[in-house]
Amino acid sequence: MAKFNLNKMSGVVVENIGKKYLVGKSELVALKGISFEVTKGELFGIVGPDGAGKTSLFRVLTTLLLAETGRAWVDGLDTVKDYKEIRKRVGYMPGKFSLYQDLTVEENLDFFATIFNTSIEENYDLIKDIYQQIEPFKKRRAGKLSGGMKQKLALCCALIHKPTVLFLDEPTTGVDAVSRKEFWDMLQRLKQQGITILVSTPYMDEAALCDRVALMQNGRILAIDRPENINKSFAHPLWAVQSENMLGLHKTLKQWDAVASCYSFGEYYHIVMKNDDSSMDSIQNYLHDKEYQQILVKKIDANIEDCFMDLMNNANG
């Protein structure tokens, strides 16, 4: 079990958090001894697929759920003892759009400002860059906005009371690529204002945009580090393979005793060989013997997704 010391630079501290749900007559364990620390002003990513436990973790940290085991602190405050004060200090943007669909953009923002005894004018500088993009539609009902506009409105509502810690649960799911890029640009600007940001995402490419990331699967954290360090930790040679018969190629590579792992990645299959001394020629010769044509094999550097697949295989294996 990890042990952390609370200090003035601790934005979020999580120590051995466990959470389970009763589903029918059986138990579903959502979080299994989660521990990590986030420094104030850090942009920290929780990266993992659906069902990894990201939403449960965020709900514990925002005091919406109680954990069965462990403790957590947000901005130096205990999530159980100090839950009322934490709710004043954090901003939370859930994965599902949860604003009032029948209220206009302006009415939603004014409503959330009023809840926290503030006003749009008082904290306008904090949301200015974001709100100016949706201000032309301030009289439009929230339910009539596009995905990208809903995302910007939800972020404005989460920021309007000037939180010290911001929790964003899969904020870019279901929006277009341009809106995703714009959103991450906004997060970088918010980070410059000293806000501690925790963002969860199923998109591996977004991990590279964080200061540090925790790779999460089945309620456990597989690795925590800077994205570039996780990439460097990949221990084996990695190959990208392509041929004219991609469907058959996958089955052939999976059945080859020399292959440790094989998975689809865009137009290629990425493979790790059991023998690190395996060469390009040995892979090409094997596929030629299996009567494949137009074979392309190249050695590549691992990215976050490759590292995640490797860590997951090791955890299951």
C-alpha atoms as a PDB file:
ATOM      1  CA  MET A   1       0.000   0.000   0.000  1.00  0.00           C
ATOM      2  CA  ALA A   2       1.433   3.366  -1.013  1.00  0.00           C
ATOM      3  CA  LYS A   3       1.939   6.019   1.676  1.00  0.00           C
ATOM      4  CA  PHE A   4       1.974   9.728   0.911  1.00  0.00           C
ATOM      5  CA  ASN A   5       2.683  12.719   3.094  1.00  0.00           C
ATOM      6  CA  LEU A   6       0.216  15.580   2.852  1.00  0.00           C
ATOM      7  CA  ASN A   7       1.937  18.896   2.228  1.00  0.00           C
ATOM      8  CA  LYS A   8       1.111  22.286   0.798  1.00  0.00           C
ATOM      9  CA  MET A   9       1.957  21.052  -2.725  1.00  0.00           C
ATOM     10  CA  SER A  10      -0.502  18.129  -2.586  1.00  0.00           C
ATOM     11  CA  GLY A  11      -3.455  18.733  -4.876  1.00  0.00           C
ATOM     12  CA  VAL A  12      -4.985  15.249  -4.610  1.00  0.00           C
ATOM     13  CA  VAL A  13      -3.818  12.269  -2.555  1.00  0.00           C
ATOM     14  CA  VAL A  14      -5.380   8.821  -2.941  1.00  0.00           C
ATOM     15  CA  GLU A  15      -4.344   6.027  -0.588  1.00  0.00           C
ATOM     16  CA  ASN A  16      -5.492   2.413  -1.045  1.00  0.00           C
ATOM     17  CA  ILE A  17      -9.010   3.330  -2.235  1.00  0.00           C
ATOM     18  CA  GLY A  18     -11.324   0.377  -2.801  1.00  0.00           C
ATOM     19  CA  LYS A  19     -14.906   0.472  -4.037  1.00  0.00           C
ATOM     20  CA  LYS A  20     -17.415  -2.266  -4.838  1.00  0.00           C
ATOM     21  CA  TYR A  21     -21.051  -2.459  -5.898  1.00  0.00           C
ATOM     22  CA  LEU A  22     -23.719  -5.059  -5.235  1.00  0.00           C
ATOM     23  CA  VAL A  23     -25.077  -6.287  -8.566  1.00  0.00           C
ATOM     24  CA  GLY A  24     -27.902  -8.699  -7.931  1.00  0.00           C
ATOM     25  CA  LYS A  25     -26.452 -11.266  -5.548  1.00  0.00           C
ATOM     26  CA  SER A  26     -22.863 -10.738  -6.577  1.00  0.00           C
ATOM     27  CA  GLU A  27     -20.270  -8.039  -5.946  1.00  0.00           C
ATOM     28  CA  LEU A  28     -18.607  -5.942  -8.627  1.00  0.00           C
ATOM     29  CA  VAL A  29     -15.241  -4.593  -7.491  1.00  0.00           C
ATOM     30  CA  ALA A  30     -14.744  -1.253  -9.251  1.00  0.00           C
ATOM     31  CA  LEU A  31     -11.579  -0.010  -7.496  1.00  0.00           C
ATOM     32  CA  LYS A  32      -8.857  -2.252  -6.081  1.00  0.00           C
ATOM     33  CA  GLY A  33      -6.404  -0.477  -3.817  1.00  0.00           C
ATOM     34  CA  ILE A  34      -5.898   2.678  -5.890  1.00  0.00           C
ATOM     35  CA  SER A  35      -3.054   4.962  -4.733  1.00  0.00           C
ATOM     36  CA  PHE A  36      -1.465   8.034  -6.324  1.00  0.00           C
ATOM     37  CA  GLU A  37      -0.633  11.667  -5.663  1.00  0.00           C
ATOM     38  CA  VAL A  38      -1.244  14.734  -7.824  1.00  0.00           C
ATOM     39  CA  THR A  39       0.758  17.920  -7.293  1.00  0.00           C
ATOM     40  CA  LYS A  40      -1.026  21.264  -7.190  1.00  0.00           C
ATOM     41  CA  GLY A  41      -1.208  22.820 -10.639  1.00  0.00           C
ATOM     42  CA  GLU A  42      -0.594  19.495 -12.395  1.00  0.00           C
ATOM     43  CA  LEU A  43      -2.568  18.207 -15.391  1.00  0.00           C
ATOM     44  CA  PHE A  44      -2.996  14.542 -14.470  1.00  0.00           C
ATOM     45  CA  GLY A  45      -4.611  11.976 -16.766  1.00  0.00           C
ATOM     46  CA  ILE A  46      -6.456   8.785 -15.819  1.00  0.00           C
ATOM     47  CA  VAL A  47      -6.324   6.731 -19.009  1.00  0.00           C
ATOM     48  CA  GLY A  48      -8.212   3.512 -19.558  1.00  0.00           C
ATOM     49  CA  PRO A  49     -11.119   1.837 -21.395  1.00  0.00           C
ATOM     50  CA  ASP A  50     -14.760   1.818 -20.350  1.00  0.00           C
ATOM     51  CA  GLY A  51     -15.191  -0.194 -17.165  1.00  0.00           C
ATOM     52  CA  ALA A  52     -11.699   0.546 -15.875  1.00  0.00           C
ATOM     53  CA  GLY A  53     -13.076   2.350 -12.802  1.00  0.00           C
ATOM     54  CA  LYS A  54     -12.382   5.956 -13.801  1.00  0.00           C
ATOM     55  CA  THR A  55     -15.876   7.297 -13.055  1.00  0.00           C
ATOM     56  CA  SER A  56     -16.080   5.505  -9.697  1.00  0.00           C
ATOM     57  CA  LEU A  57     -12.732   7.017  -8.730  1.00  0.00           C
ATOM     58  CA  PHE A  58     -13.845  10.529  -9.667  1.00  0.00           C
ATOM     59  CA  ARG A  59     -17.103  10.139  -7.741  1.00  0.00           C
ATOM     60  CA  VAL A  60     -15.180   9.119  -4.633  1.00  0.00           C
ATOM     61  CA  LEU A  61     -12.842  12.103  -4.986  1.00  0.00           C
ATOM     62  CA  THR A  62     -15.722  14.545  -5.507  1.00  0.00           C
ATOM     63  CA  THR A  63     -17.476  13.140  -2.390  1.00  0.00           C
ATOM     64  CA  LEU A  64     -20.392  11.629  -4.322  1.00  0.00           C
ATOM     65  CA  LEU A  65     -19.494   8.076  -3.265  1.00  0.00           C
ATOM     66  CA  LEU A  66     -17.955   6.545  -0.148  1.00  0.00           C
ATOM     67  CA  ALA A  67     -15.111   4.095  -0.572  1.00  0.00           C
ATOM     68  CA  GLU A  68     -15.056   0.804   1.369  1.00  0.00           C
ATOM     69  CA  THR A  69     -11.313   1.015   2.001  1.00  0.00           C
ATOM     70  CA  GLY A  70      -8.622   3.658   2.006  1.00  0.00           C
ATOM     71  CA  ARG A  71      -8.626   7.434   2.320  1.00  0.00           C
ATOM     72  CA  ALA A  72      -8.354  10.381  -0.052  1.00  0.00           C
ATOM     73  CA  TRP A  73      -7.630  14.080   0.278  1.00  0.00           C
ATOM     74  CA  VAL A  74      -8.499  16.855  -2.161  1.00  0.00           C
ATOM     75  CA  ASP A  75      -6.778  20.207  -1.734  1.00  0.00           C
ATOM     76  CA  GLY A  76      -5.595  18.987   1.678  1.00  0.00           C
ATOM     77  CA  LEU A  77      -9.109  18.072   2.846  1.00  0.00           C
ATOM     78  CA  ASP A  78     -10.374  14.618   3.801  1.00  0.00           C
ATOM     79  CA  THR A  79     -13.064  13.447   1.359  1.00  0.00           C
ATOM     80  CA  VAL A  80     -15.185  12.018   4.202  1.00  0.00           C
ATOM     81  CA  LYS A  81     -14.717  14.468   7.076  1.00  0.00           C
ATOM     82  CA  ASP A  82     -14.496  17.630   4.965  1.00  0.00           C
ATOM     83  CA  TYR A  83     -16.917  16.788   2.155  1.00  0.00           C
ATOM     84  CA  LYS A  84     -18.875  20.045   2.439  1.00  0.00           C
ATOM     85  CA  GLU A  85     -15.781  22.199   2.059  1.00  0.00           C
ATOM     86  CA  ILE A  86     -14.461  20.045  -0.808  1.00  0.00           C
ATOM     87  CA  ARG A  87     -17.699  20.573  -2.745  1.00  0.00           C
ATOM     88  CA  LYS A  88     -17.097  24.312  -2.563  1.00  0.00           C
ATOM     89  CA  ARG A  89     -13.569  23.992  -3.910  1.00  0.00           C
ATOM     90  CA  VAL A  90     -13.873  21.481  -6.743  1.00  0.00           C
ATOM     91  CA  GLY A  91     -15.309  21.679 -10.237  1.00  0.00           C
ATOM     92  CA  TYR A  92     -16.777  18.476 -11.678  1.00  0.00           C
ATOM     93  CA  MET A  93     -17.710  17.780 -15.271  1.00  0.00           C
ATOM     94  CA  PRO A  94     -19.333  14.313 -15.500  1.00  0.00           C
ATOM     95  CA  GLY A  95     -19.022  12.170 -18.577  1.00  0.00           C
ATOM     96  CA  LYS A  96     -22.691  12.502 -19.490  1.00  0.00           C
ATOM     97  CA  PHE A  97     -23.964  15.994 -20.305  1.00  0.00           C
ATOM     98  CA  SER A  98     -25.910  16.840 -17.151  1.00  0.00           C
ATOM     99  CA  LEU A  99     -26.882  20.491 -17.510  1.00  0.00           C
ATOM    100  CA  TYR A 100     -30.512  21.602 -17.828  1.00  0.00           C
ATOM    101  CA  GLN A 101     -31.504  20.988 -21.434  1.00  0.00           C
ATOM    102  CA  ASP A 102     -34.460  23.404 -21.331  1.00  0.00           C
ATOM    103  CA  LEU A 103     -32.429  26.313 -19.946  1.00  0.00           C
ATOM    104  CA  THR A 104     -30.426  28.553 -22.229  1.00  0.00           C
ATOM    105  CA  VAL A 105     -26.640  28.768 -22.169  1.00  0.00           C
ATOM    106  CA  GLU A 106     -26.816  31.965 -20.129  1.00  0.00           C
ATOM    107  CA  GLU A 107     -29.436  30.584 -17.731  1.00  0.00           C
ATOM    108  CA  ASN A 108     -27.408  27.431 -17.030  1.00  0.00           C
ATOM    109  CA  LEU A 109     -24.282  29.410 -16.292  1.00  0.00           C
ATOM    110  CA  ASP A 110     -26.141  31.910 -14.116  1.00  0.00           C
ATOM    111  CA  PHE A 111     -27.810  29.050 -12.199  1.00  0.00           C
ATOM    112  CA  PHE A 112     -24.504  27.384 -11.311  1.00  0.00           C
ATOM    113  CA  ALA A 113     -22.940  30.710 -10.369  1.00  0.00           C
ATOM    114  CA  THR A 114     -25.864  31.417  -8.021  1.00  0.00           C
ATOM    115  CA  ILE A 115     -25.490  28.006  -6.311  1.00  0.00           C
ATOM    116  CA  PHE A 116     -21.959  28.990  -5.295  1.00  0.00           C
ATOM    117  CA  ASN A 117     -22.946  32.524  -4.269  1.00  0.00           C
ATOM    118  CA  THR A 118     -21.063  34.157  -7.117  1.00  0.00           C
ATOM    119  CA  SER A 119     -21.892  35.640 -10.505  1.00  0.00           C
ATOM    120  CA  ILE A 120     -20.793  35.350 -14.117  1.00  0.00           C
ATOM    121  CA  GLU A 121     -19.298  38.844 -13.913  1.00  0.00           C
ATOM    122  CA  GLU A 122     -17.255  38.106 -10.777  1.00  0.00           C
ATOM    123  CA  ASN A 123     -15.315  35.192 -12.312  1.00  0.00           C
ATOM    124  CA  TYR A 124     -15.651  36.105 -15.982  1.00  0.00           C
ATOM    125  CA  ASP A 125     -11.868  36.309 -16.475  1.00  0.00           C
ATOM    126  CA  LEU A 126     -11.575  32.614 -15.628  1.00  0.00           C
ATOM    127  CA  ILE A 127     -14.058  31.471 -18.285  1.00  0.00           C
ATOM    128  CA  LYS A 128     -13.605  34.309 -20.784  1.00  0.00           C
ATOM    129  CA  ASP A 129     -11.603  32.378 -23.403  1.00  0.00           C
ATOM    130  CA  ILE A 130     -14.111  29.524 -23.345  1.00  0.00           C
ATOM    131  CA  TYR A 131     -17.341  31.470 -22.932  1.00  0.00           C
ATOM    132  CA  GLN A 132     -16.598  33.854 -25.817  1.00  0.00           C
ATOM    133  CA  GLN A 133     -16.855  30.860 -28.170  1.00  0.00           C
ATOM    134  CA  ILE A 134     -20.425  30.100 -27.067  1.00  0.00           C
ATOM    135  CA  GLU A 135     -21.583  33.618 -26.140  1.00  0.00           C
ATOM    136  CA  PRO A 136     -23.173  34.195 -29.587  1.00  0.00           C
ATOM    137  CA  PHE A 137     -25.519  31.309 -28.667  1.00  0.00           C
ATOM    138  CA  LYS A 138     -26.224  32.385 -25.077  1.00  0.00           C
ATOM    139  CA  LYS A 139     -29.993  32.536 -25.731  1.00  0.00           C
ATOM    140  CA  ARG A 140     -30.066  29.030 -27.226  1.00  0.00           C
ATOM    141  CA  ARG A 141     -31.324  26.142 -25.106  1.00  0.00           C
ATOM    142  CA  ALA A 142     -28.573  23.794 -23.968  1.00  0.00           C
ATOM    143  CA  GLY A 143     -30.314  20.793 -25.497  1.00  0.00           C
ATOM    144  CA  LYS A 144     -30.017  22.382 -28.957  1.00  0.00           C
ATOM    145  CA  LEU A 145     -26.230  22.838 -28.804  1.00  0.00           C
ATOM    146  CA  SER A 146     -23.715  20.733 -30.733  1.00  0.00           C
ATOM    147  CA  GLY A 147     -21.501  18.271 -28.846  1.00  0.00           C
ATOM    148  CA  GLY A 148     -18.545  20.661 -28.845  1.00  0.00           C
ATOM    149  CA  MET A 149     -20.679  23.575 -27.618  1.00  0.00           C
ATOM    150  CA  LYS A 150     -22.214  21.451 -24.835  1.00  0.00           C
ATOM    151  CA  GLN A 151     -18.709  20.528 -23.780  1.00  0.00           C
ATOM    152  CA  LYS A 152     -17.641  24.178 -23.548  1.00  0.00           C
ATOM    153  CA  LEU A 153     -20.779  25.126 -21.608  1.00  0.00           C
ATOM    154  CA  ALA A 154     -20.268  22.277 -19.134  1.00  0.00           C
ATOM    155  CA  LEU A 155     -16.663  23.367 -18.584  1.00  0.00           C
ATOM    156  CA  CYS A 156     -17.777  26.969 -17.978  1.00  0.00           C
ATOM    157  CA  CYS A 157     -20.313  25.788 -15.396  1.00  0.00           C
ATOM    158  CA  ALA A 158     -17.634  23.699 -13.654  1.00  0.00           C
ATOM    159  CA  LEU A 159     -15.305  26.718 -13.504  1.00  0.00           C
ATOM    160  CA  ILE A 160     -17.703  29.537 -12.648  1.00  0.00           C
ATOM    161  CA  HIS A 161     -17.052  29.334  -8.863  1.00  0.00           C
ATOM    162  CA  LYS A 162     -13.252  29.418  -9.353  1.00  0.00           C
ATOM    163  CA  PRO A 163     -12.386  25.869  -8.194  1.00  0.00           C
ATOM    164  CA  THR A 164      -8.912  24.907  -7.018  1.00  0.00           C
ATOM    165  CA  VAL A 165      -9.255  21.342  -8.352  1.00  0.00           C
ATOM    166  CA  LEU A 166     -11.075  20.414 -11.566  1.00  0.00           C
ATOM    167  CA  PHE A 167     -12.334  16.875 -12.305  1.00  0.00           C
ATOM    168  CA  LEU A 168     -13.231  16.120 -15.929  1.00  0.00           C
ATOM    169  CA  ASP A 169     -14.675  12.660 -16.579  1.00  0.00           C
ATOM    170  CA  GLU A 170     -14.168  11.684 -20.232  1.00  0.00           C
ATOM    171  CA  PRO A 171     -14.874  15.245 -21.436  1.00  0.00           C
ATOM    172  CA  THR A 172     -14.034  14.595 -25.097  1.00  0.00           C
ATOM    173  CA  THR A 173     -16.013  11.396 -25.624  1.00  0.00           C
ATOM    174  CA  GLY A 174     -18.426  11.736 -28.533  1.00  0.00           C
ATOM    175  CA  VAL A 175     -17.109  15.046 -29.891  1.00  0.00           C
ATOM    176  CA  ASP A 176     -15.310  15.657 -33.168  1.00  0.00           C
ATOM    177  CA  ALA A 177     -11.531  15.791 -33.558  1.00  0.00           C
ATOM    178  CA  VAL A 178     -11.415  19.592 -33.885  1.00  0.00           C
ATOM    179  CA  SER A 179     -13.415  20.057 -30.673  1.00  0.00           C
ATOM    180  CA  ARG A 180     -11.136  17.576 -28.898  1.00  0.00           C
ATOM    181  CA  LYS A 181      -8.072  19.601 -29.846  1.00  0.00           C
ATOM    182  CA  GLU A 182      -9.728  22.879 -28.835  1.00  0.00           C
ATOM    183  CA  PHE A 183     -10.680  21.382 -25.480  1.00  0.00           C
ATOM    184  CA  TRP A 184      -7.145  20.270 -24.671  1.00  0.00           C
ATOM    185  CA  ASP A 185      -5.836  23.687 -25.674  1.00  0.00           C
ATOM    186  CA  MET A 186      -8.276  25.161 -23.146  1.00  0.00           C
ATOM    187  CA  LEU A 187      -7.011  22.802 -20.439  1.00  0.00           C
ATOM    188  CA  GLN A 188      -3.430  23.906 -21.037  1.00  0.00           C
ATOM    189  CA  ARG A 189      -4.489  27.528 -20.557  1.00  0.00           C
ATOM    190  CA  LEU A 190      -6.405  26.675 -17.381  1.00  0.00           C
ATOM    191  CA  LYS A 191      -3.355  24.873 -16.010  1.00  0.00           C
ATOM    192  CA  GLN A 192      -1.384  28.105 -16.380  1.00  0.00           C
ATOM    193  CA  GLN A 193      -3.824  29.682 -13.915  1.00  0.00           C
ATOM    194  CA  GLY A 194      -2.706  27.227 -11.225  1.00  0.00           C
ATOM    195  CA  ILE A 195      -5.751  24.940 -11.263  1.00  0.00           C
ATOM    196  CA  THR A 196      -5.085  21.267 -10.481  1.00  0.00           C
ATOM    197  CA  ILE A 197      -6.745  19.251 -13.258  1.00  0.00           C
ATOM    198  CA  LEU A 198      -7.615  15.557 -13.256  1.00  0.00           C
ATOM    199  CA  VAL A 199      -9.023  14.326 -16.549  1.00  0.00           C
ATOM    200  CA  SER A 200     -10.092  10.804 -17.442  1.00  0.00           C
ATOM    201  CA  THR A 201     -10.128   9.586 -21.024  1.00  0.00           C
ATOM    202  CA  PRO A 202     -10.391   6.347 -23.024  1.00  0.00           C
ATOM    203  CA  TYR A 203      -8.282   7.919 -25.806  1.00  0.00           C
ATOM    204  CA  MET A 204      -4.663   6.843 -25.566  1.00  0.00           C
ATOM    205  CA  ASP A 205      -3.440   9.690 -27.779  1.00  0.00           C
ATOM    206  CA  GLU A 206      -4.664  12.211 -25.178  1.00  0.00           C
ATOM    207  CA  ALA A 207      -2.268  10.761 -22.607  1.00  0.00           C
ATOM    208  CA  ALA A 208       0.627  12.568 -24.291  1.00  0.00           C
ATOM    209  CA  LEU A 209      -1.072  15.903 -23.509  1.00  0.00           C
ATOM    210  CA  CYS A 210      -0.885  15.359 -19.722  1.00  0.00           C
ATOM    211  CA  ASP A 211       1.987  16.124 -17.354  1.00  0.00           C
ATOM    212  CA  ARG A 212       1.643  12.630 -15.914  1.00  0.00           C
ATOM    213  CA  VAL A 213      -0.750   9.751 -16.529  1.00  0.00           C
ATOM    214  CA  ALA A 214      -2.070   6.744 -14.661  1.00  0.00           C
ATOM    215  CA  LEU A 215      -2.895   3.813 -16.930  1.00  0.00           C
ATOM    216  CA  MET A 216      -5.919   2.038 -15.467  1.00  0.00           C
ATOM    217  CA  GLN A 217      -7.605  -1.292 -16.184  1.00  0.00           C
ATOM    218  CA  ASN A 218     -10.133  -3.407 -14.238  1.00  0.00           C
ATOM    219  CA  GLY A 219     -10.012  -1.182 -11.170  1.00  0.00           C
ATOM    220  CA  ARG A 220      -6.229  -1.202 -10.888  1.00  0.00           C
ATOM    221  CA  ILE A 221      -3.495   1.230 -11.870  1.00  0.00           C
ATOM    222  CA  LEU A 222      -0.961  -0.447 -14.153  1.00  0.00           C
ATOM    223  CA  ALA A 223       1.571   2.409 -14.316  1.00  0.00           C
ATOM    224  CA  ILE A 224       2.010   6.046 -13.322  1.00  0.00           C
ATOM    225  CA  ASP A 225       4.618   8.304 -14.919  1.00  0.00           C
ATOM    226  CA  ARG A 226       5.226  11.021 -17.457  1.00  0.00           C
ATOM    227  CA  PRO A 227       3.994   9.866 -20.904  1.00  0.00           C
ATOM    228  CA  GLU A 228       7.490   9.922 -22.408  1.00  0.00           C
ATOM    229  CA  ASN A 229       8.855   7.801 -19.557  1.00  0.00           C
ATOM    230  CA  ILE A 230       6.101   5.218 -19.992  1.00  0.00           C
ATOM    231  CA  ASN A 231       6.972   4.996 -23.686  1.00  0.00           C
ATOM    232  CA  LYS A 232      10.660   4.517 -22.874  1.00  0.00           C
ATOM    233  CA  SER A 233       9.825   1.719 -20.447  1.00  0.00           C
ATOM    234  CA  PHE A 234       8.634  -0.591 -23.243  1.00  0.00           C
ATOM    235  CA  ALA A 235      11.114  -3.434 -22.851  1.00  0.00           C
ATOM    236  CA  HIS A 236      10.928  -5.353 -26.144  1.00  0.00           C
ATOM    237  CA  PRO A 237      11.453  -4.697 -29.850  1.00  0.00           C
ATOM    238  CA  LEU A 238       8.168  -3.755 -31.515  1.00  0.00           C
ATOM    239  CA  TRP A 239       7.253  -4.492 -35.128  1.00  0.00           C
ATOM    240  CA  ALA A 240       4.519  -3.177 -37.430  1.00  0.00           C
ATOM    241  CA  VAL A 241       3.346  -5.723 -40.010  1.00  0.00           C
ATOM    242  CA  GLN A 242       1.105  -5.378 -43.052  1.00  0.00           C
ATOM    243  CA  SER A 243       0.138  -7.499 -46.061  1.00  0.00           C
ATOM    244  CA  GLU A 244      -2.519  -7.727 -48.759  1.00  0.00           C
ATOM    245  CA  ASN A 245      -4.649 -10.089 -46.621  1.00  0.00           C
ATOM    246  CA  MET A 246      -4.984  -8.300 -43.290  1.00  0.00           C
ATOM    247  CA  LEU A 247      -7.823 -10.457 -41.971  1.00  0.00           C
ATOM    248  CA  GLY A 248      -5.914 -13.675 -42.481  1.00  0.00           C
ATOM    249  CA  LEU A 249      -2.665 -12.074 -41.343  1.00  0.00           C
ATOM    250  CA  HIS A 250      -3.988 -11.449 -37.844  1.00  0.00           C
ATOM    251  CA  LYS A 251      -4.940 -15.099 -37.379  1.00  0.00           C
ATOM    252  CA  THR A 252      -1.611 -16.270 -38.783  1.00  0.00           C
ATOM    253  CA  LEU A 253       0.449 -14.048 -36.502  1.00  0.00           C
ATOM    254  CA  LYS A 254      -1.606 -14.985 -33.410  1.00  0.00           C
ATOM    255  CA  GLN A 255      -1.016 -18.675 -34.119  1.00  0.00           C
ATOM    256  CA  TRP A 256       2.753 -18.277 -34.561  1.00  0.00           C
ATOM    257  CA  ASP A 257       4.576 -19.667 -31.515  1.00  0.00           C
ATOM    258  CA  ALA A 258       7.284 -17.000 -31.809  1.00  0.00           C
ATOM    259  CA  VAL A 259       4.794 -14.133 -31.279  1.00  0.00           C
ATOM    260  CA  ALA A 260       4.204 -12.955 -27.709  1.00  0.00           C
ATOM    261  CA  SER A 261       1.408 -10.510 -28.567  1.00  0.00           C
ATOM    262  CA  CYS A 262      -0.372  -9.202 -31.659  1.00  0.00           C
ATOM    263  CA  TYR A 263      -3.015  -6.484 -31.918  1.00  0.00           C
ATOM    264  CA  SER A 264      -4.512  -4.171 -34.521  1.00  0.00           C
ATOM    265  CA  PHE A 265      -3.202  -0.619 -34.809  1.00  0.00           C
ATOM    266  CA  GLY A 266      -4.570   1.420 -37.707  1.00  0.00           C
ATOM    267  CA  GLU A 267      -3.403  -0.090 -40.998  1.00  0.00           C
ATOM    268  CA  TYR A 268      -0.921  -2.427 -39.281  1.00  0.00           C
ATOM    269  CA  TYR A 269      -0.666  -5.173 -36.718  1.00  0.00           C
ATOM    270  CA  HIS A 270       1.790  -4.482 -33.937  1.00  0.00           C
ATOM    271  CA  ILE A 271       3.640  -7.579 -32.757  1.00  0.00           C
ATOM    272  CA  VAL A 272       6.067  -8.344 -29.965  1.00  0.00           C
ATOM    273  CA  MET A 273       8.239 -11.407 -30.458  1.00  0.00           C
ATOM    274  CA  LYS A 274       9.124 -13.816 -27.653  1.00  0.00           C
ATOM    275  CA  ASN A 275      12.756 -13.666 -28.744  1.00  0.00           C
ATOM    276  CA  ASP A 276      14.116 -10.102 -28.671  1.00  0.00           C
ATOM    277  CA  ASP A 277      16.727 -11.141 -31.241  1.00  0.00           C
ATOM    278  CA  SER A 278      14.071 -11.792 -33.879  1.00  0.00           C
ATOM    279  CA  SER A 279      14.766  -9.926 -37.106  1.00  0.00           C
ATOM    280  CA  MET A 280      12.772  -8.370 -39.907  1.00  0.00           C
ATOM    281  CA  ASP A 281      13.957 -11.176 -42.185  1.00  0.00           C
ATOM    282  CA  SER A 282      12.677 -13.894 -39.842  1.00  0.00           C
ATOM    283  CA  ILE A 283       9.189 -12.326 -39.800  1.00  0.00           C
ATOM    284  CA  GLN A 284       9.142 -11.831 -43.583  1.00  0.00           C
ATOM    285  CA  ASN A 285      10.390 -15.381 -44.228  1.00  0.00           C
ATOM    286  CA  TYR A 286       7.722 -16.861 -41.993  1.00  0.00           C
ATOM    287  CA  LEU A 287       4.966 -14.954 -43.791  1.00  0.00           C
ATOM    288  CA  HIS A 288       6.389 -15.827 -47.221  1.00  0.00           C
ATOM    289  CA  ASP A 289       6.259 -19.496 -46.195  1.00  0.00           C
ATOM    290  CA  LYS A 290       2.587 -18.941 -45.372  1.00  0.00           C
ATOM    291  CA  GLU A 291       2.143 -17.573 -48.940  1.00  0.00           C
ATOM    292  CA  TYR A 292       1.500 -13.943 -48.008  1.00  0.00           C
ATOM    293  CA  GLN A 293       2.307 -11.281 -50.600  1.00  0.00           C
ATOM    294  CA  GLN A 294       3.124  -7.527 -50.413  1.00  0.00           C
ATOM    295  CA  ILE A 295       4.537  -7.957 -46.941  1.00  0.00           C
ATOM    296  CA  LEU A 296       5.705  -4.846 -45.097  1.00  0.00           C
ATOM    297  CA  VAL A 297       7.593  -5.215 -41.822  1.00  0.00           C
ATOM    298  CA  LYS A 298       9.202  -2.333 -39.961  1.00  0.00           C
ATOM    299  CA  LYS A 299      10.630  -1.773 -36.505  1.00  0.00           C
ATOM    300  CA  ILE A 300       8.855   1.016 -34.586  1.00  0.00           C
ATOM    301  CA  ASP A 301       8.968   2.885 -31.284  1.00  0.00           C
ATOM    302  CA  ALA A 302       6.268   2.103 -28.751  1.00  0.00           C
ATOM    303  CA  ASN A 303       3.588   4.656 -27.902  1.00  0.00           C
ATOM    304  CA  ILE A 304       1.227   4.842 -24.924  1.00  0.00           C
ATOM    305  CA  GLU A 305      -1.236   2.384 -26.447  1.00  0.00           C
ATOM    306  CA  ASP A 306       1.510  -0.181 -27.041  1.00  0.00           C
ATOM    307  CA  CYS A 307       2.656   0.233 -23.443  1.00  0.00           C
ATOM    308  CA  PHE A 308      -0.902  -0.146 -22.179  1.00  0.00           C
ATOM    309  CA  MET A 309      -1.392  -3.352 -24.151  1.00  0.00           C
ATOM    310  CA  ASP A 310       1.900  -4.732 -22.823  1.00  0.00           C
ATOM    311  CA  LEU A 311       1.069  -3.835 -19.208  1.00  0.00           C
ATOM    312  CA  MET A 312      -2.408  -5.329 -19.571  1.00  0.00           C
ATOM    313  CA  ASN A 313      -1.007  -8.559 -21.005  1.00  0.00           C
ATOM    314  CA  ASN A 314       1.483  -8.790 -18.129  1.00  0.00           C
ATOM    315  CA  ALA A 315      -1.258  -8.133 -15.561  1.00  0.00           C
ATOM    316  CA  ASN A 316      -3.429 -10.868 -17.075  1.00  0.00           C
ATOM    317  CA  GLY A 317      -0.627 -13.223 -17.650  1.00  0.00           C
END
